[in-house]
């Protein structure tokens, strides 16, 4: 009885080895190819995102350069164009309207407050 049991288990194991190992190899090869493709796509995505970030940073830098070069007269009026060691001066006349414009407006006469008895 033991001999038949060992013979049957041997036959089953041989059949599993003959058909199972190639199937397992095929499954493993496809799995690792899939993982390799996923890693390649992730690397490509990261590289593309990095390139886009660099392009964005370059555009922002160019815009800042253009704005500072076009805004030269405003920087001079505000005193920003000088050396960075000198502090900015307080210039309220740049923010407030000139006083002459306020005086030129006609002020309405205040109504007199007399009590009628």
Protein backbone atom coordinates (compact mmCIF):
# COMPACT_ATOMS: atom_id res chain seq x y z
CA UNK A 1 0.00 0.00 0.00
CA UNK A 2 2.79 2.35 0.85
CA UNK A 3 4.44 1.62 -2.49
CA UNK A 4 1.29 2.65 -4.39
CA UNK A 5 1.04 5.86 -2.35
CA UNK A 6 4.65 6.77 -3.08
CA UNK A 7 4.21 5.89 -6.76
CA UNK A 8 1.07 8.05 -7.02
CA UNK A 9 2.70 11.02 -5.28
CA UNK A 10 5.74 10.66 -7.53
CA UNK A 11 3.54 10.67 -10.63
CA UNK A 12 1.66 13.76 -9.42
CA UNK A 13 4.89 15.59 -8.54
CA UNK A 14 6.42 14.75 -11.90
CA UNK A 15 3.33 16.02 -13.72
CA UNK A 16 3.39 19.25 -11.66
CA UNK A 17 7.07 19.73 -12.40
CA UNK A 18 6.67 19.07 -16.10
CA UNK A 19 3.66 21.36 -16.61
CA UNK A 20 3.87 23.67 -13.60
CA UNK A 21 7.42 24.95 -13.82
CA UNK A 22 7.15 26.27 -17.39
CA UNK A 23 3.82 27.88 -16.55
CA UNK A 24 5.34 29.43 -13.42
CA UNK A 25 8.29 30.67 -15.47
CA UNK A 26 5.97 32.28 -18.03
CA UNK A 27 3.96 33.98 -15.27
CA UNK A 28 7.13 35.26 -13.57
CA UNK A 29 8.62 36.56 -16.84
CA UNK A 30 5.43 38.47 -17.69
CA UNK A 31 5.17 39.85 -14.14
CA UNK A 32 8.73 41.19 -14.21
CA UNK A 33 8.26 42.65 -17.70
CA UNK A 34 5.17 44.46 -16.42
CA UNK A 35 7.08 45.81 -13.42
CA UNK A 36 9.92 46.93 -15.70
CA UNK A 37 7.46 48.81 -17.95
CA UNK A 38 5.85 50.44 -14.90
CA UNK A 39 9.24 51.60 -13.64
CA UNK A 40 10.19 52.95 -17.07
CA UNK A 41 6.90 54.86 -17.33
CA UNK A 42 7.34 56.29 -13.82
CA UNK A 43 10.89 57.37 -14.67
CA UNK A 44 9.66 58.98 -17.89
CA UNK A 45 6.87 60.78 -16.00
CA UNK A 46 9.30 62.08 -13.38
CA UNK A 47 11.71 63.27 -16.06
CA UNK A 48 8.93 65.04 -17.94
CA UNK A 49 7.67 66.68 -14.73
CA UNK A 50 11.21 67.80 -13.90
CA UNK A 51 11.67 69.27 -17.39
CA UNK A 52 8.35 71.12 -17.10
CA UNK A 53 9.36 72.50 -13.71
CA UNK A 54 12.67 73.72 -15.12
CA UNK A 55 10.91 75.34 -18.07
CA UNK A 56 8.44 77.01 -15.70
CA UNK A 57 11.25 78.32 -13.50
CA UNK A 58 13.08 79.70 -16.55
CA UNK A 59 9.91 81.47 -17.75
CA UNK A 60 9.33 83.02 -14.34
CA UNK A 61 12.96 84.18 -14.20
CA UNK A 62 12.68 85.74 -17.67
CA UNK A 63 9.46 87.52 -16.67
CA UNK A 64 11.09 88.87 -13.52
CA UNK A 65 14.06 90.09 -15.54
CA UNK A 66 11.82 91.80 -18.10
CA UNK A 67 9.70 93.46 -15.42
CA UNK A 68 12.72 94.78 -13.57
CA UNK A 69 14.28 96.11 -16.78
CA UNK A 70 11.06 97.76 -17.98
CA UNK A 71 10.35 99.20 -14.57
CA UNK A 72 13.63 101.10 -14.33
CA UNK A 73 12.07 104.57 -13.99
CA UNK A 74 9.69 103.42 -11.25
CA UNK A 75 12.57 101.82 -9.37
CA UNK A 76 14.52 105.09 -9.62
CA UNK A 77 11.58 107.13 -8.28
CA UNK A 78 11.17 104.75 -5.36
CA UNK A 79 14.89 104.56 -4.72
CA UNK A 80 15.08 100.81 -5.28
CA UNK A 81 17.65 101.08 -8.04
CA UNK A 82 20.36 102.14 -5.60
CA UNK A 83 22.65 99.76 -3.79
CA UNK A 84 20.80 97.27 -1.62
CA UNK A 85 22.72 98.40 1.50
CA UNK A 86 20.92 101.76 1.57
CA UNK A 87 17.48 101.63 3.18
CA UNK A 88 14.43 102.85 1.31
CA UNK A 89 13.38 106.40 2.04
CA UNK A 90 9.89 107.29 3.14
CA UNK A 91 8.27 109.06 0.19
CA UNK A 92 4.62 109.87 1.07
CA UNK A 93 4.31 112.26 -1.90
CA UNK A 94 4.36 109.23 -4.19
CA UNK A 95 1.34 107.78 -2.44
CA UNK A 96 -0.69 110.89 -1.58
CA UNK A 97 -2.26 113.28 -4.06
CA UNK A 98 -0.71 116.76 -4.33
CA UNK A 99 -2.14 119.31 -1.90
CA UNK A 100 -2.71 121.90 -4.67
CA UNK A 101 -5.42 119.73 -6.18
CA UNK A 102 -7.34 119.77 -2.89
CA UNK A 103 -7.13 123.59 -2.53
CA UNK A 104 -8.34 124.28 -6.05
CA UNK A 105 -11.68 122.64 -5.37
CA UNK A 106 -14.40 125.03 -4.36
CA UNK A 107 -15.73 124.37 -0.91
CA UNK A 108 -19.48 124.92 -0.43
CA UNK A 109 -20.46 127.52 2.12
CA UNK A 110 -21.56 126.09 5.42
CA UNK A 111 -25.22 126.80 6.17
CA UNK A 112 -25.74 129.29 8.94
CA UNK A 113 -27.41 128.04 12.05
CA UNK A 114 -29.53 130.78 13.40
CA UNK A 115 -32.35 130.05 15.70
CA UNK A 116 -35.66 131.39 14.66
CA UNK A 117 -37.67 132.78 17.59
